[in-house]
């Protein structure tokens, strides 16, 4: 749980402190799309395959801060540093190796 809270704070600080190449509108769209796609996936897996709640029934409220405050900043940082307009080899190797 300590790592969870530290990563929440760390990624949000990184997003707000790093020099941004994305516009505020793009940041809001990334944030919204990340949350919406994650919720659609979770609902599909839950209702179609009953893939969640093996140990407890009900909503897992501990995951809500991660859904709202952890995944979108990671996506924003990734897209902020993505080498748009570069050679395809640089765009390909950013996936497994980080910032090229």
PDB file of N, CA and C in Angstrom:
ATOM      1  N   UNK A   1       0.822  -1.191   0.000  1.00  0.00           N
ATOM      2  CA  UNK A   1       0.000   0.000   0.000  1.00  0.00           C
ATOM      3  C   UNK A   1       0.870   1.261   0.000  1.00  0.00           C
ATOM      4  N   UNK A   2       2.037   1.161   0.624  1.00  0.00           N
ATOM      5  CA  UNK A   2       2.938   2.319   0.639  1.00  0.00           C
ATOM      6  C   UNK A   2       3.432   2.608  -0.775  1.00  0.00           C
ATOM      7  N   UNK A   3       3.787   1.567  -1.515  1.00  0.00           N
ATOM      8  CA  UNK A   3       4.213   1.751  -2.904  1.00  0.00           C
ATOM      9  C   UNK A   3       3.109   2.326  -3.774  1.00  0.00           C
ATOM     10  N   UNK A   4       1.879   1.941  -3.484  1.00  0.00           N
ATOM     11  CA  UNK A   4       0.710   2.448  -4.210  1.00  0.00           C
ATOM     12  C   UNK A   4       0.568   3.952  -4.007  1.00  0.00           C
ATOM     13  N   UNK A   5       0.644   4.397  -2.770  1.00  0.00           N
ATOM     14  CA  UNK A   5       0.506   5.824  -2.455  1.00  0.00           C
ATOM     15  C   UNK A   5       1.700   6.607  -2.997  1.00  0.00           C
ATOM     16  N   UNK A   6       2.898   6.056  -2.866  1.00  0.00           N
ATOM     17  CA  UNK A   6       4.094   6.737  -3.379  1.00  0.00           C
ATOM     18  C   UNK A   6       4.015   6.882  -4.896  1.00  0.00           C
ATOM     19  N   UNK A   7       3.559   5.844  -5.588  1.00  0.00           N
ATOM     20  CA  UNK A   7       3.436   5.947  -7.046  1.00  0.00           C
ATOM     21  C   UNK A   7       2.334   6.918  -7.447  1.00  0.00           C
ATOM     22  N   UNK A   8       1.237   6.970  -6.696  1.00  0.00           N
ATOM     23  CA  UNK A   8       0.191   7.967  -6.969  1.00  0.00           C
ATOM     24  C   UNK A   8       0.758   9.381  -6.888  1.00  0.00           C
ATOM     25  N   UNK A   9       1.466   9.657  -5.814  1.00  0.00           N
ATOM     26  CA  UNK A   9       2.034  10.996  -5.618  1.00  0.00           C
ATOM     27  C   UNK A   9       3.134  11.263  -6.637  1.00  0.00           C
ATOM     28  N   UNK A  10       4.008  10.295  -6.861  1.00  0.00           N
ATOM     29  CA  UNK A  10       5.139  10.490  -7.766  1.00  0.00           C
ATOM     30  C   UNK A  10       4.729  10.739  -9.204  1.00  0.00           C
ATOM     31  N   UNK A  11       3.817   9.937  -9.727  1.00  0.00           N
ATOM     32  CA  UNK A  11       3.401  10.124 -11.120  1.00  0.00           C
ATOM     33  C   UNK A  11       2.617  11.414 -11.306  1.00  0.00           C
ATOM     34  N   UNK A  12       1.790  11.778 -10.325  1.00  0.00           N
ATOM     35  CA  UNK A  12       1.058  13.038 -10.450  1.00  0.00           C
ATOM     36  C   UNK A  12       1.996  14.230 -10.363  1.00  0.00           C
ATOM     37  N   UNK A  13       2.990  14.178  -9.491  1.00  0.00           N
ATOM     38  CA  UNK A  13       3.980  15.257  -9.443  1.00  0.00           C
ATOM     39  C   UNK A  13       4.766  15.336 -10.748  1.00  0.00           C
ATOM     40  N   UNK A  14       5.112  14.189 -11.301  1.00  0.00           N
ATOM     41  CA  UNK A  14       5.846  14.185 -12.565  1.00  0.00           C
ATOM     42  C   UNK A  14       5.026  14.809 -13.683  1.00  0.00           C
ATOM     43  N   UNK A  15       3.739  14.505 -13.729  1.00  0.00           N
ATOM     44  CA  UNK A  15       2.887  15.070 -14.777  1.00  0.00           C
ATOM     45  C   UNK A  15       2.773  16.577 -14.632  1.00  0.00           C
ATOM     46  N   UNK A  16       2.626  17.051 -13.415  1.00  0.00           N
ATOM     47  CA  UNK A  16       2.429  18.485 -13.222  1.00  0.00           C
ATOM     48  C   UNK A  16       3.732  19.278 -13.274  1.00  0.00           C
ATOM     49  N   UNK A  17       4.878  18.623 -13.123  1.00  0.00           N
ATOM     50  CA  UNK A  17       6.158  19.340 -13.111  1.00  0.00           C
ATOM     51  C   UNK A  17       6.933  19.238 -14.419  1.00  0.00           C
ATOM     52  N   UNK A  18       6.639  18.261 -15.259  1.00  0.00           N
ATOM     53  CA  UNK A  18       7.400  18.073 -16.489  1.00  0.00           C
ATOM     54  C   UNK A  18       6.941  19.081 -17.546  1.00  0.00           C
ATOM     55  N   UNK A  19       7.874  19.432 -18.430  1.00  0.00           N
ATOM     56  CA  UNK A  19       7.535  20.335 -19.531  1.00  0.00           C
ATOM     57  C   UNK A  19       6.611  19.598 -20.493  1.00  0.00           C
ATOM     58  N   UNK A  20       5.477  20.189 -20.775  1.00  0.00           N
ATOM     59  CA  UNK A  20       4.450  19.511 -21.551  1.00  0.00           C
ATOM     60  C   UNK A  20       4.488  19.917 -23.015  1.00  0.00           C
ATOM     61  N   UNK A  21       4.386  18.914 -23.881  1.00  0.00           N
ATOM     62  CA  UNK A  21       4.205  19.159 -25.307  1.00  0.00           C
ATOM     63  C   UNK A  21       2.744  18.994 -25.689  1.00  0.00           C
ATOM     64  N   UNK A  22       1.930  18.543 -24.753  1.00  0.00           N
ATOM     65  CA  UNK A  22       0.511  18.326 -25.004  1.00  0.00           C
ATOM     66  C   UNK A  22      -0.287  19.545 -24.566  1.00  0.00           C
ATOM     67  N   UNK A  23      -1.359  19.815 -25.284  1.00  0.00           N
ATOM     68  CA  UNK A  23      -2.225  20.932 -24.904  1.00  0.00           C
ATOM     69  C   UNK A  23      -3.123  20.501 -23.743  1.00  0.00           C
ATOM     70  N   UNK A  24      -3.702  21.462 -23.014  1.00  0.00           N
ATOM     71  CA  UNK A  24      -4.617  21.091 -21.928  1.00  0.00           C
ATOM     72  C   UNK A  24      -5.807  20.260 -22.421  1.00  0.00           C
ATOM     73  N   UNK A  25      -6.290  20.549 -23.621  1.00  0.00           N
ATOM     74  CA  UNK A  25      -7.387  19.756 -24.177  1.00  0.00           C
ATOM     75  C   UNK A  25      -6.992  18.312 -24.409  1.00  0.00           C
ATOM     76  N   UNK A  26      -5.778  18.096 -24.900  1.00  0.00           N
ATOM     77  CA  UNK A  26      -5.298  16.733 -25.115  1.00  0.00           C
ATOM     78  C   UNK A  26      -5.131  15.999 -23.793  1.00  0.00           C
ATOM     79  N   UNK A  27      -4.676  16.696 -22.774  1.00  0.00           N
ATOM     80  CA  UNK A  27      -4.511  16.070 -21.456  1.00  0.00           C
ATOM     81  C   UNK A  27      -5.861  15.630 -20.904  1.00  0.00           C
ATOM     82  N   UNK A  28      -6.870  16.483 -21.032  1.00  0.00           N
ATOM     83  CA  UNK A  28      -8.215  16.122 -20.563  1.00  0.00           C
ATOM     84  C   UNK A  28      -8.756  14.941 -21.365  1.00  0.00           C
ATOM     85  N   UNK A  29      -8.525  14.927 -22.667  1.00  0.00           N
ATOM     86  CA  UNK A  29      -8.997  13.816 -23.494  1.00  0.00           C
ATOM     87  C   UNK A  29      -8.293  12.515 -23.136  1.00  0.00           C
ATOM     88  N   UNK A  30      -6.999  12.563 -22.889  1.00  0.00           N
ATOM     89  CA  UNK A  30      -6.263  11.359 -22.482  1.00  0.00           C
ATOM     90  C   UNK A  30      -6.803  10.849 -21.151  1.00  0.00           C
ATOM     91  N   UNK A  31      -7.002  11.760 -20.192  1.00  0.00           N
ATOM     92  CA  UNK A  31      -7.505  11.392 -18.870  1.00  0.00           C
ATOM     93  C   UNK A  31      -8.880  10.732 -19.001  1.00  0.00           C
ATOM     94  N   UNK A  32      -9.777  11.353 -19.767  1.00  0.00           N
ATOM     95  CA  UNK A  32     -11.137  10.841 -19.921  1.00  0.00           C
ATOM     96  C   UNK A  32     -11.147   9.500 -20.654  1.00  0.00           C
ATOM     97  N   UNK A  33     -10.394   9.393 -21.742  1.00  0.00           N
ATOM     98  CA  UNK A  33     -10.369   8.147 -22.501  1.00  0.00           C
ATOM     99  C   UNK A  33      -9.786   7.008 -21.675  1.00  0.00           C
ATOM    100  N   UNK A  34      -8.763   7.282 -20.892  1.00  0.00           N
ATOM    101  CA  UNK A  34      -8.159   6.237 -20.066  1.00  0.00           C
ATOM    102  C   UNK A  34      -9.161   5.688 -19.067  1.00  0.00           C
ATOM    103  N   UNK A  35      -9.856   6.573 -18.376  1.00  0.00           N
ATOM    104  CA  UNK A  35     -10.836   6.127 -17.380  1.00  0.00           C
ATOM    105  C   UNK A  35     -11.990   5.396 -18.052  1.00  0.00           C
ATOM    106  N   UNK A  36     -12.504   5.943 -19.157  1.00  0.00           N
ATOM    107  CA  UNK A  36     -13.643   5.324 -19.839  1.00  0.00           C
ATOM    108  C   UNK A  36     -13.286   3.950 -20.397  1.00  0.00           C
ATOM    109  N   UNK A  37     -12.140   3.828 -21.049  1.00  0.00           N
ATOM    110  CA  UNK A  37     -11.770   2.532 -21.622  1.00  0.00           C
ATOM    111  C   UNK A  37     -11.506   1.493 -20.536  1.00  0.00           C
ATOM    112  N   UNK A  38     -10.936   1.917 -19.426  1.00  0.00           N
ATOM    113  CA  UNK A  38     -10.697   0.985 -18.326  1.00  0.00           C
ATOM    114  C   UNK A  38     -12.019   0.512 -17.729  1.00  0.00           C
ATOM    115  N   UNK A  39     -12.968   1.415 -17.558  1.00  0.00           N
ATOM    116  CA  UNK A  39     -14.267   1.025 -17.009  1.00  0.00           C
ATOM    117  C   UNK A  39     -15.033   0.115 -17.962  1.00  0.00           C
ATOM    118  N   UNK A  40     -14.996   0.404 -19.258  1.00  0.00           N
ATOM    119  CA  UNK A  40     -15.673  -0.461 -20.233  1.00  0.00           C
ATOM    120  C   UNK A  40     -15.063  -1.860 -20.204  1.00  0.00           C
ATOM    121  N   UNK A  41     -13.747  -1.944 -20.163  1.00  0.00           N
ATOM    122  CA  UNK A  41     -13.079  -3.242 -20.097  1.00  0.00           C
ATOM    123  C   UNK A  41     -13.468  -3.989 -18.823  1.00  0.00           C
ATOM    124  N   UNK A  42     -13.464  -3.312 -17.687  1.00  0.00           N
ATOM    125  CA  UNK A  42     -13.814  -3.961 -16.426  1.00  0.00           C
ATOM    126  C   UNK A  42     -15.250  -4.459 -16.421  1.00  0.00           C
ATOM    127  N   UNK A  43     -16.171  -3.658 -16.920  1.00  0.00           N
ATOM    128  CA  UNK A  43     -17.575  -4.077 -16.961  1.00  0.00           C
ATOM    129  C   UNK A  43     -17.741  -5.271 -17.892  1.00  0.00           C
ATOM    130  N   UNK A  44     -17.084  -5.249 -19.042  1.00  0.00           N
ATOM    131  CA  UNK A  44     -17.176  -6.370 -19.984  1.00  0.00           C
ATOM    132  C   UNK A  44     -16.634  -7.656 -19.364  1.00  0.00           C
ATOM    133  N   UNK A  45     -15.463  -7.583 -18.779  1.00  0.00           N
ATOM    134  CA  UNK A  45     -14.863  -8.779 -18.166  1.00  0.00           C
ATOM    135  C   UNK A  45     -15.720  -9.281 -17.009  1.00  0.00           C
ATOM    136  N   UNK A  46     -16.294  -8.372 -16.244  1.00  0.00           N
ATOM    137  CA  UNK A  46     -17.098  -8.782 -15.102  1.00  0.00           C
ATOM    138  C   UNK A  46     -18.389  -9.460 -15.542  1.00  0.00           C
ATOM    139  N   UNK A  47     -19.131  -8.852 -16.442  1.00  0.00           N
ATOM    140  CA  UNK A  47     -20.430  -9.405 -16.816  1.00  0.00           C
ATOM    141  C   UNK A  47     -20.321 -10.571 -17.792  1.00  0.00           C
ATOM    142  N   UNK A  48     -19.370 -10.526 -18.689  1.00  0.00           N
ATOM    143  CA  UNK A  48     -19.254 -11.591 -19.681  1.00  0.00           C
ATOM    144  C   UNK A  48     -18.585 -12.839 -19.100  1.00  0.00           C
ATOM    145  N   UNK A  49     -17.498 -12.643 -18.361  1.00  0.00           N
ATOM    146  CA  UNK A  49     -16.710 -13.777 -17.881  1.00  0.00           C
ATOM    147  C   UNK A  49     -16.693 -13.933 -16.362  1.00  0.00           C
ATOM    148  N   UNK A  50     -17.369 -13.050 -15.647  1.00  0.00           N
ATOM    149  CA  UNK A  50     -17.356 -13.065 -14.177  1.00  0.00           C
ATOM    150  C   UNK A  50     -15.915 -13.120 -13.673  1.00  0.00           C
ATOM    151  N   UNK A  51     -15.095 -12.221 -14.200  1.00  0.00           N
ATOM    152  CA  UNK A  51     -13.660 -12.258 -13.958  1.00  0.00           C
ATOM    153  C   UNK A  51     -13.185 -11.571 -12.700  1.00  0.00           C
ATOM    154  N   UNK A  52     -14.080 -10.948 -11.963  1.00  0.00           N
ATOM    155  CA  UNK A  52     -13.652 -10.228 -10.771  1.00  0.00           C
ATOM    156  C   UNK A  52     -14.387 -10.753  -9.544  1.00  0.00           C
ATOM    157  N   UNK A  53     -13.928 -10.280  -8.398  1.00  0.00           N
ATOM    158  CA  UNK A  53     -14.548 -10.565  -7.112  1.00  0.00           C
ATOM    159  C   UNK A  53     -14.505 -12.050  -6.764  1.00  0.00           C
ATOM    160  N   UNK A  54     -13.323 -12.612  -6.868  1.00  0.00           N
ATOM    161  CA  UNK A  54     -13.161 -14.000  -6.470  1.00  0.00           C
ATOM    162  C   UNK A  54     -13.253 -14.159  -4.959  1.00  0.00           C
ATOM    163  N   UNK A  55     -12.699 -13.206  -4.227  1.00  0.00           N
ATOM    164  CA  UNK A  55     -12.599 -13.360  -2.784  1.00  0.00           C
ATOM    165  C   UNK A  55     -13.661 -12.575  -2.036  1.00  0.00           C
ATOM    166  N   UNK A  56     -14.075 -11.442  -2.570  1.00  0.00           N
ATOM    167  CA  UNK A  56     -15.114 -10.636  -1.920  1.00  0.00           C
ATOM    168  C   UNK A  56     -16.110 -10.182  -2.970  1.00  0.00           C
ATOM    169  N   UNK A  57     -17.347 -10.055  -2.554  1.00  0.00           N
ATOM    170  CA  UNK A  57     -18.380  -9.537  -3.448  1.00  0.00           C
ATOM    171  C   UNK A  57     -18.452  -8.029  -3.284  1.00  0.00           C
ATOM    172  N   UNK A  58     -18.794  -7.353  -4.353  1.00  0.00           N
ATOM    173  CA  UNK A  58     -18.967  -5.905  -4.284  1.00  0.00           C
ATOM    174  C   UNK A  58     -17.852  -5.154  -4.987  1.00  0.00           C
ATOM    175  N   UNK A  59     -17.952  -3.852  -4.898  1.00  0.00           N
ATOM    176  CA  UNK A  59     -17.010  -2.967  -5.575  1.00  0.00           C
ATOM    177  C   UNK A  59     -15.699  -2.924  -4.806  1.00  0.00           C
ATOM    178  N   UNK A  60     -14.601  -2.953  -5.523  1.00  0.00           N
ATOM    179  CA  UNK A  60     -13.274  -2.879  -4.922  1.00  0.00           C
ATOM    180  C   UNK A  60     -12.845  -1.410  -4.868  1.00  0.00           C
ATOM    181  N   UNK A  61     -13.195  -0.722  -3.798  1.00  0.00           N
ATOM    182  CA  UNK A  61     -12.974   0.720  -3.686  1.00  0.00           C
ATOM    183  C   UNK A  61     -11.503   1.079  -3.567  1.00  0.00           C
ATOM    184  N   UNK A  62     -10.652   0.132  -3.198  1.00  0.00           N
ATOM    185  CA  UNK A  62      -9.224   0.429  -3.091  1.00  0.00           C
ATOM    186  C   UNK A  62      -8.605   0.736  -4.455  1.00  0.00           C
ATOM    187  N   UNK A  63      -9.214   0.255  -5.524  1.00  0.00           N
ATOM    188  CA  UNK A  63      -8.672   0.485  -6.864  1.00  0.00           C
ATOM    189  C   UNK A  63      -9.110   1.805  -7.478  1.00  0.00           C
ATOM    190  N   UNK A  64     -10.056   2.496  -6.878  1.00  0.00           N
ATOM    191  CA  UNK A  64     -10.555   3.747  -7.448  1.00  0.00           C
ATOM    192  C   UNK A  64      -9.485   4.830  -7.549  1.00  0.00           C
ATOM    193  N   UNK A  65      -8.644   5.063  -6.530  1.00  0.00           N
ATOM    194  CA  UNK A  65      -7.586   6.075  -6.706  1.00  0.00           C
ATOM    195  C   UNK A  65      -6.601   5.713  -7.813  1.00  0.00           C
ATOM    196  N   UNK A  66      -6.310   4.459  -7.977  1.00  0.00           N
ATOM    197  CA  UNK A  66      -5.422   4.050  -9.056  1.00  0.00           C
ATOM    198  C   UNK A  66      -6.040   4.260 -10.421  1.00  0.00           C
ATOM    199  N   UNK A  67      -7.331   4.011 -10.514  1.00  0.00           N
ATOM    200  CA  UNK A  67      -8.030   4.212 -11.779  1.00  0.00           C
ATOM    201  C   UNK A  67      -8.083   5.680 -12.158  1.00  0.00           C
ATOM    202  N   UNK A  68      -8.348   6.540 -11.194  1.00  0.00           N
ATOM    203  CA  UNK A  68      -8.538   7.963 -11.476  1.00  0.00           C
ATOM    204  C   UNK A  68      -7.224   8.738 -11.442  1.00  0.00           C
ATOM    205  N   UNK A  69      -6.307   8.361 -10.568  1.00  0.00           N
ATOM    206  CA  UNK A  69      -5.116   9.193 -10.333  1.00  0.00           C
ATOM    207  C   UNK A  69      -3.787   8.536 -10.688  1.00  0.00           C
ATOM    208  N   UNK A  70      -3.774   7.295 -11.133  1.00  0.00           N
ATOM    209  CA  UNK A  70      -2.501   6.654 -11.454  1.00  0.00           C
ATOM    210  C   UNK A  70      -2.366   6.326 -12.940  1.00  0.00           C
ATOM    211  N   UNK A  71      -3.370   5.708 -13.521  1.00  0.00           N
ATOM    212  CA  UNK A  71      -3.275   5.329 -14.932  1.00  0.00           C
ATOM    213  C   UNK A  71      -3.230   6.522 -15.883  1.00  0.00           C
ATOM    214  N   UNK A  72      -4.082   7.539 -15.731  1.00  0.00           N
ATOM    215  CA  UNK A  72      -4.007   8.673 -16.666  1.00  0.00           C
ATOM    216  C   UNK A  72      -2.675   9.422 -16.645  1.00  0.00           C
ATOM    217  N   UNK A  73      -2.054   9.696 -15.483  1.00  0.00           N
ATOM    218  CA  UNK A  73      -0.749  10.365 -15.529  1.00  0.00           C
ATOM    219  C   UNK A  73       0.331   9.550 -16.239  1.00  0.00           C
ATOM    220  N   UNK A  74       0.287   8.242 -16.093  1.00  0.00           N
ATOM    221  CA  UNK A  74       1.260   7.402 -16.793  1.00  0.00           C
ATOM    222  C   UNK A  74       1.051   7.519 -18.302  1.00  0.00           C
ATOM    223  N   UNK A  75      -0.201   7.498 -18.746  1.00  0.00           N
ATOM    224  CA  UNK A  75      -0.483   7.655 -20.174  1.00  0.00           C
ATOM    225  C   UNK A  75      -0.094   9.039 -20.673  1.00  0.00           C
ATOM    226  N   UNK A  76      -0.309  10.065 -19.869  1.00  0.00           N
ATOM    227  CA  UNK A  76       0.060  11.428 -20.259  1.00  0.00           C
ATOM    228  C   UNK A  76       1.574  11.538 -20.403  1.00  0.00           C
ATOM    229  N   UNK A  77       2.323  10.984 -19.466  1.00  0.00           N
ATOM    230  CA  UNK A  77       3.784  11.016 -19.569  1.00  0.00           C
ATOM    231  C   UNK A  77       4.261  10.254 -20.800  1.00  0.00           C
ATOM    232  N   UNK A  78       3.666   9.112 -21.063  1.00  0.00           N
ATOM    233  CA  UNK A  78       4.063   8.313 -22.224  1.00  0.00           C
ATOM    234  C   UNK A  78       3.821   9.085 -23.517  1.00  0.00           C
ATOM    235  N   UNK A  79       2.635   9.658 -23.665  1.00  0.00           N
ATOM    236  CA  UNK A  79       2.330  10.383 -24.898  1.00  0.00           C
ATOM    237  C   UNK A  79       3.076  11.706 -24.984  1.00  0.00           C
ATOM    238  N   UNK A  80       3.419  12.289 -23.847  1.00  0.00           N
ATOM    239  CA  UNK A  80       4.192  13.526 -23.858  1.00  0.00           C
ATOM    240  C   UNK A  80       5.596  13.280 -24.412  1.00  0.00           C
ATOM    241  N   UNK A  81       6.180  12.129 -24.110  1.00  0.00           N
ATOM    242  CA  UNK A  81       7.539  11.817 -24.547  1.00  0.00           C
ATOM    243  C   UNK A  81       7.584  10.959 -25.805  1.00  0.00           C
ATOM    244  N   UNK A  82       6.426  10.619 -26.375  1.00  0.00           N
ATOM    245  CA  UNK A  82       6.402   9.779 -27.574  1.00  0.00           C
ATOM    246  C   UNK A  82       7.013  10.542 -28.741  1.00  0.00           C
ATOM    247  N   UNK A  83       7.910   9.916 -29.502  1.00  0.00           N
ATOM    248  CA  UNK A  83       8.601  10.627 -30.588  1.00  0.00           C
ATOM    249  C   UNK A  83       7.767  10.716 -31.867  1.00  0.00           C
ATOM    250  N   UNK A  84       6.716  11.533 -31.842  1.00  0.00           N
ATOM    251  CA  UNK A  84       5.905  11.733 -33.040  1.00  0.00           C
ATOM    252  C   UNK A  84       6.771  12.353 -34.124  1.00  0.00           C
ATOM    253  N   UNK A  85       6.632  11.894 -35.352  1.00  0.00           N
ATOM    254  CA  UNK A  85       7.383  12.445 -36.468  1.00  0.00           C
ATOM    255  C   UNK A  85       8.800  11.915 -36.600  1.00  0.00           C
ATOM    256  N   UNK A  86       9.205  10.994 -35.755  1.00  0.00           N
ATOM    257  CA  UNK A  86      10.546  10.400 -35.835  1.00  0.00           C
ATOM    258  C   UNK A  86      10.481   9.119 -36.666  1.00  0.00           C
ATOM    259  N   UNK A  87      11.616   8.514 -36.864  1.00  0.00           N
ATOM    260  CA  UNK A  87      11.679   7.260 -37.615  1.00  0.00           C
ATOM    261  C   UNK A  87      10.877   6.174 -36.899  1.00  0.00           C
ATOM    262  N   UNK A  88      10.375   5.223 -37.666  1.00  0.00           N
ATOM    263  CA  UNK A  88       9.532   4.183 -37.079  1.00  0.00           C
ATOM    264  C   UNK A  88      10.297   3.340 -36.073  1.00  0.00           C
ATOM    265  N   UNK A  89      11.596   3.226 -36.236  1.00  0.00           N
ATOM    266  CA  UNK A  89      12.382   2.416 -35.305  1.00  0.00           C
ATOM    267  C   UNK A  89      12.399   3.050 -33.917  1.00  0.00           C
ATOM    268  N   UNK A  90      12.459   4.382 -33.845  1.00  0.00           N
ATOM    269  CA  UNK A  90      12.405   5.049 -32.544  1.00  0.00           C
ATOM    270  C   UNK A  90      11.022   4.916 -31.928  1.00  0.00           C
ATOM    271  N   UNK A  91       9.980   4.993 -32.757  1.00  0.00           N
ATOM    272  CA  UNK A  91       8.625   4.832 -32.237  1.00  0.00           C
ATOM    273  C   UNK A  91       8.390   3.406 -31.765  1.00  0.00           C
ATOM    274  N   UNK A  92       9.010   2.445 -32.413  1.00  0.00           N
ATOM    275  CA  UNK A  92       8.847   1.051 -32.032  1.00  0.00           C
ATOM    276  C   UNK A  92       9.561   0.748 -30.722  1.00  0.00           C
ATOM    277  N   UNK A  93      10.778   1.269 -30.551  1.00  0.00           N
ATOM    278  CA  UNK A  93      11.572   0.929 -29.378  1.00  0.00           C
ATOM    279  C   UNK A  93      11.212   1.730 -28.141  1.00  0.00           C
ATOM    280  N   UNK A  94      10.338   2.728 -28.243  1.00  0.00           N
ATOM    281  CA  UNK A  94       9.916   3.423 -27.033  1.00  0.00           C
ATOM    282  C   UNK A  94       9.004   2.529 -26.197  1.00  0.00           C
ATOM    283  N   UNK A  95       8.334   1.561 -26.822  1.00  0.00           N
ATOM    284  CA  UNK A  95       7.442   0.684 -26.076  1.00  0.00           C
ATOM    285  C   UNK A  95       8.187  -0.131 -25.024  1.00  0.00           C
ATOM    286  N   UNK A  96       9.200  -0.940 -25.389  1.00  0.00           N
ATOM    287  CA  UNK A  96       9.848  -1.738 -24.347  1.00  0.00           C
ATOM    288  C   UNK A  96      10.997  -1.047 -23.627  1.00  0.00           C
ATOM    289  N   UNK A  97      11.601  -0.037 -24.220  1.00  0.00           N
ATOM    290  CA  UNK A  97      12.832   0.503 -23.658  1.00  0.00           C
ATOM    291  C   UNK A  97      12.703   1.911 -23.098  1.00  0.00           C
ATOM    292  N   UNK A  98      11.528   2.480 -23.097  1.00  0.00           N
ATOM    293  CA  UNK A  98      11.356   3.813 -22.526  1.00  0.00           C
ATOM    294  C   UNK A  98      11.711   4.913 -23.492  1.00  0.00           C
ATOM    295  N   UNK A  99      12.096   6.037 -22.937  1.00  0.00           N
ATOM    296  CA  UNK A  99      12.356   7.234 -23.735  1.00  0.00           C
ATOM    297  C   UNK A  99      13.615   7.041 -24.576  1.00  0.00           C
ATOM    298  N   UNK A 100      13.484   7.176 -25.901  1.00  0.00           N
ATOM    299  CA  UNK A 100      14.626   7.024 -26.811  1.00  0.00           C
ATOM    300  C   UNK A 100      15.156   8.377 -27.217  1.00  0.00           C
TER     301      UNK A 100
END
